Amino acid sequence: MCGFRRPHRVRAARAWRRGLPTLAGDARKRHMRDKTMSNSVQSGKCFCGAVEIEVTGQPAAMGYCHCSSCREWSASPVNAFTLWQPETVKVTKGDKNLASYNKTPGSTRKFCTKCGGHVLTDHPGLGLVDVFAAMLPGVEFKPGVHVNYGETVLRMKDGLPKLKDFPKEFGGSGDVVAE
């Protein structure tokens, strides 16, 4: 099915189709094993340090986005994301230095006005906040999926499920494509 040869890949693809909260099954398992992780606080800062953020607990999901908007915004061939519940993300310093840009109504991208460093993206329709993985050096990045792989300019053979666009639950086709 869709080029998957191993059962864990099929399970991961099915989990993604059920939505982002189920994708974070590994994060939830870690949380259940170690309740103290639910209160762990990790911090990050923009390039110049004028803006600082904190995240609490575990992300809802982690992965890679290959869409042209993320590629152009991040100036890279792929964007590594960590998605968080909004109440777990806090700007702890330099809120006045944050500016926003909306290319589409589905995403509000926030950056530092002093250095131009990208900090986070609000996704109000999803009820999630994307804190760029590079912003959080203390969070172990464990991606679970590739989204918008139909637009990729960099093929990545890592065994993770690759969605053509987004899951159906989020307005996409939910189609899984081969590596």
Foldseek 3Di string as FASTA:
>chain_A
DQAADDPVQVVLLVQQLVHLQSNCVVQVVVCVVPVVLQADKFKFAFPVRQKIKIFGHAFSAWAKEQDPVQCVLVVHQIFTWTKHQVVRMDTPGNPVQWDWDPPDPQWTWIAGNPPRGTAWIDGVVRNIIIGGPVRTPPDDHDHAEYACCLNGPDDDPDSHWYYVHHHVVSPDPSDTHHD
